[in-house]
């Protein structure tokens, strides 16, 4: 997965967070459709964390491969 694709996916996840944040009812955030929006925000945050972990692991793998070639 290329660096550009990771950034695009993170951008989509951020847009989903913003959209879901507009759907949350401030008076009762854990009732009705607001809970669906909260779950959507948590899912998008999880996706961002997983993408950042993947990106970091690719950087580590690249540095270990370069170190092994020396």
N, C-alpha and C. Protein backbone atom coordinates (compact mmCIF):
# COMPACT_ATOMS: atom_id res chain seq x y z
N UNK A 1 0.86 -1.17 0.00
CA UNK A 1 0.00 0.00 0.00
C UNK A 1 0.90 1.23 0.00
N UNK A 2 0.62 2.11 -0.91
CA UNK A 2 1.49 3.27 -1.04
C UNK A 2 1.16 4.33 0.00
N UNK A 3 2.09 5.24 0.14
CA UNK A 3 1.93 6.32 1.12
C UNK A 3 0.73 7.20 0.76
N UNK A 4 0.52 7.44 -0.54
CA UNK A 4 -0.59 8.28 -0.97
C UNK A 4 -1.92 7.63 -0.60
N UNK A 5 -2.03 6.32 -0.79
CA UNK A 5 -3.27 5.63 -0.47
C UNK A 5 -3.56 5.68 1.02
N UNK A 6 -2.54 5.55 1.84
CA UNK A 6 -2.73 5.63 3.28
C UNK A 6 -3.24 7.02 3.67
N UNK A 7 -2.69 8.07 3.08
CA UNK A 7 -3.14 9.42 3.39
C UNK A 7 -4.56 9.66 2.89
N UNK A 8 -4.91 9.08 1.75
CA UNK A 8 -6.28 9.22 1.24
C UNK A 8 -7.26 8.54 2.18
N UNK A 9 -6.91 7.34 2.64
CA UNK A 9 -7.79 6.62 3.55
C UNK A 9 -7.93 7.33 4.89
N UNK A 10 -6.84 7.92 5.38
CA UNK A 10 -6.92 8.71 6.62
C UNK A 10 -7.80 9.93 6.41
N UNK A 11 -7.70 10.56 5.25
CA UNK A 11 -8.55 11.71 4.94
C UNK A 11 -10.02 11.33 4.90
N UNK A 12 -10.33 10.17 4.30
CA UNK A 12 -11.72 9.71 4.27
C UNK A 12 -12.22 9.44 5.68
N UNK A 13 -11.38 8.83 6.50
CA UNK A 13 -11.78 8.56 7.89
C UNK A 13 -12.03 9.86 8.64
N UNK A 14 -11.20 10.87 8.41
CA UNK A 14 -11.42 12.16 9.07
C UNK A 14 -12.72 12.81 8.61
N UNK A 15 -13.04 12.68 7.32
CA UNK A 15 -14.31 13.21 6.82
C UNK A 15 -15.49 12.48 7.46
N UNK A 16 -15.36 11.18 7.65
CA UNK A 16 -16.42 10.42 8.31
C UNK A 16 -16.60 10.85 9.76
N UNK A 17 -15.49 11.14 10.43
CA UNK A 17 -15.57 11.63 11.81
C UNK A 17 -16.31 12.96 11.85
N UNK A 18 -15.98 13.85 10.94
CA UNK A 18 -16.64 15.16 10.91
C UNK A 18 -18.13 15.00 10.62
N UNK A 19 -18.47 14.16 9.65
CA UNK A 19 -19.87 13.95 9.31
C UNK A 19 -20.64 13.35 10.49
N UNK A 20 -20.07 12.33 11.11
CA UNK A 20 -20.75 11.70 12.24
C UNK A 20 -20.87 12.64 13.43
N UNK A 21 -19.91 13.53 13.59
CA UNK A 21 -19.98 14.49 14.70
C UNK A 21 -21.17 15.43 14.53
N UNK A 22 -21.56 15.70 13.29
CA UNK A 22 -22.72 16.56 13.06
C UNK A 22 -24.03 15.85 13.37
N UNK A 23 -24.01 14.52 13.42
CA UNK A 23 -25.24 13.75 13.66
C UNK A 23 -25.51 13.50 15.14
N UNK A 24 -24.56 13.82 16.00
CA UNK A 24 -24.72 13.56 17.42
C UNK A 24 -25.61 14.62 18.05
N UNK A 25 -26.60 14.16 18.80
CA UNK A 25 -27.48 15.05 19.55
C UNK A 25 -26.80 15.36 20.88
N UNK A 26 -26.57 16.64 21.14
CA UNK A 26 -25.80 17.03 22.33
C UNK A 26 -26.54 16.71 23.63
N UNK A 27 -27.85 16.70 23.60
CA UNK A 27 -28.60 16.46 24.83
C UNK A 27 -28.61 14.99 25.22
N UNK A 28 -28.59 14.10 24.23
CA UNK A 28 -28.57 12.66 24.53
C UNK A 28 -27.67 11.93 23.53
N UNK A 29 -26.36 12.00 23.75
CA UNK A 29 -25.43 11.42 22.77
C UNK A 29 -25.40 9.89 22.73
N UNK A 30 -25.98 9.23 23.72
CA UNK A 30 -25.93 7.78 23.74
C UNK A 30 -27.32 7.16 23.57
N UNK A 31 -28.20 7.85 22.88
CA UNK A 31 -29.55 7.34 22.65
C UNK A 31 -29.92 7.54 21.19
N UNK A 32 -30.71 6.61 20.66
CA UNK A 32 -31.24 6.74 19.30
C UNK A 32 -30.16 6.69 18.24
N UNK A 33 -30.29 7.60 17.28
CA UNK A 33 -29.34 7.62 16.17
C UNK A 33 -27.99 8.22 16.56
N UNK A 34 -27.94 8.90 17.67
CA UNK A 34 -26.67 9.47 18.11
C UNK A 34 -25.66 8.38 18.45
N UNK A 35 -26.11 7.26 18.97
CA UNK A 35 -25.18 6.19 19.32
C UNK A 35 -24.56 5.60 18.06
N UNK A 36 -25.32 5.59 16.95
CA UNK A 36 -24.77 5.11 15.68
C UNK A 36 -23.66 6.05 15.23
N UNK A 37 -23.85 7.34 15.39
CA UNK A 37 -22.82 8.32 15.03
C UNK A 37 -21.59 8.16 15.92
N UNK A 38 -21.79 7.91 17.20
CA UNK A 38 -20.66 7.71 18.11
C UNK A 38 -19.88 6.45 17.71
N UNK A 39 -20.60 5.39 17.37
CA UNK A 39 -19.93 4.16 16.93
C UNK A 39 -19.16 4.41 15.63
N UNK A 40 -19.74 5.21 14.74
CA UNK A 40 -19.05 5.56 13.50
C UNK A 40 -17.78 6.34 13.75
N UNK A 41 -17.80 7.23 14.71
CA UNK A 41 -16.60 8.01 15.05
C UNK A 41 -15.53 7.09 15.63
N UNK A 42 -15.93 6.20 16.52
CA UNK A 42 -14.97 5.27 17.12
C UNK A 42 -14.37 4.36 16.05
N UNK A 43 -15.20 3.89 15.12
CA UNK A 43 -14.71 3.03 14.05
C UNK A 43 -13.72 3.76 13.15
N UNK A 44 -14.01 5.01 12.83
CA UNK A 44 -13.09 5.79 12.00
C UNK A 44 -11.78 6.05 12.73
N UNK A 45 -11.85 6.30 14.03
CA UNK A 45 -10.61 6.48 14.81
C UNK A 45 -9.79 5.20 14.84
N UNK A 46 -10.46 4.06 14.96
CA UNK A 46 -9.76 2.77 14.93
C UNK A 46 -9.08 2.56 13.58
N UNK A 47 -9.77 2.93 12.51
CA UNK A 47 -9.20 2.80 11.18
C UNK A 47 -7.94 3.66 11.03
N UNK A 48 -7.99 4.87 11.57
CA UNK A 48 -6.82 5.76 11.50
C UNK A 48 -5.66 5.16 12.28
N UNK A 49 -5.92 4.64 13.47
CA UNK A 49 -4.87 4.04 14.28
C UNK A 49 -4.26 2.84 13.55
N UNK A 50 -5.10 1.99 12.97
CA UNK A 50 -4.59 0.83 12.24
C UNK A 50 -3.75 1.24 11.03
N UNK A 51 -4.18 2.27 10.32
CA UNK A 51 -3.40 2.74 9.17
C UNK A 51 -2.05 3.31 9.62
N UNK A 52 -2.03 4.03 10.74
CA UNK A 52 -0.77 4.58 11.24
C UNK A 52 0.17 3.47 11.72
N UNK A 53 -0.39 2.43 12.33
CA UNK A 53 0.42 1.28 12.75
C UNK A 53 1.00 0.59 11.52
N UNK A 54 0.19 0.42 10.49
CA UNK A 54 0.67 -0.21 9.25
C UNK A 54 1.78 0.61 8.61
N UNK A 55 1.58 1.94 8.57
CA UNK A 55 2.59 2.81 7.97
C UNK A 55 3.90 2.75 8.75
N UNK A 56 3.82 2.75 10.07
CA UNK A 56 5.01 2.66 10.91
C UNK A 56 5.71 1.32 10.72
N UNK A 57 4.95 0.24 10.62
CA UNK A 57 5.57 -1.07 10.44
C UNK A 57 6.26 -1.16 9.09
N UNK A 58 5.71 -0.52 8.07
CA UNK A 58 6.37 -0.51 6.76
C UNK A 58 7.68 0.29 6.82
N UNK A 59 7.68 1.39 7.57
CA UNK A 59 8.91 2.17 7.72
C UNK A 59 9.98 1.36 8.46
N UNK A 60 9.57 0.63 9.49
CA UNK A 60 10.51 -0.21 10.24
C UNK A 60 11.05 -1.32 9.35
N UNK A 61 10.15 -1.95 8.59
CA UNK A 61 10.57 -3.02 7.69
C UNK A 61 11.56 -2.50 6.64
N UNK A 62 11.31 -1.32 6.12
CA UNK A 62 12.20 -0.73 5.12
C UNK A 62 13.58 -0.46 5.72
N UNK A 63 13.61 0.08 6.95
CA UNK A 63 14.90 0.38 7.57
C UNK A 63 15.66 -0.91 7.91
N UNK A 64 14.94 -1.95 8.31
CA UNK A 64 15.61 -3.23 8.60
C UNK A 64 16.14 -3.86 7.32
N UNK A 65 15.42 -3.74 6.23
CA UNK A 65 15.92 -4.27 4.95
C UNK A 65 17.15 -3.53 4.48
N UNK A 66 17.16 -2.20 4.66
CA UNK A 66 18.32 -1.41 4.26
C UNK A 66 19.51 -1.74 5.16
N UNK A 67 19.27 -1.98 6.43
CA UNK A 67 20.35 -2.32 7.36
C UNK A 67 20.93 -3.69 7.03
N UNK A 68 20.09 -4.62 6.60
CA UNK A 68 20.54 -5.96 6.27
C UNK A 68 21.36 -6.01 5.00
N UNK A 69 21.18 -5.05 4.10
CA UNK A 69 21.92 -5.01 2.84
C UNK A 69 23.34 -4.49 3.02
N UNK A 70 23.62 -3.85 4.16
CA UNK A 70 24.94 -3.27 4.37
C UNK A 70 25.98 -4.29 4.64
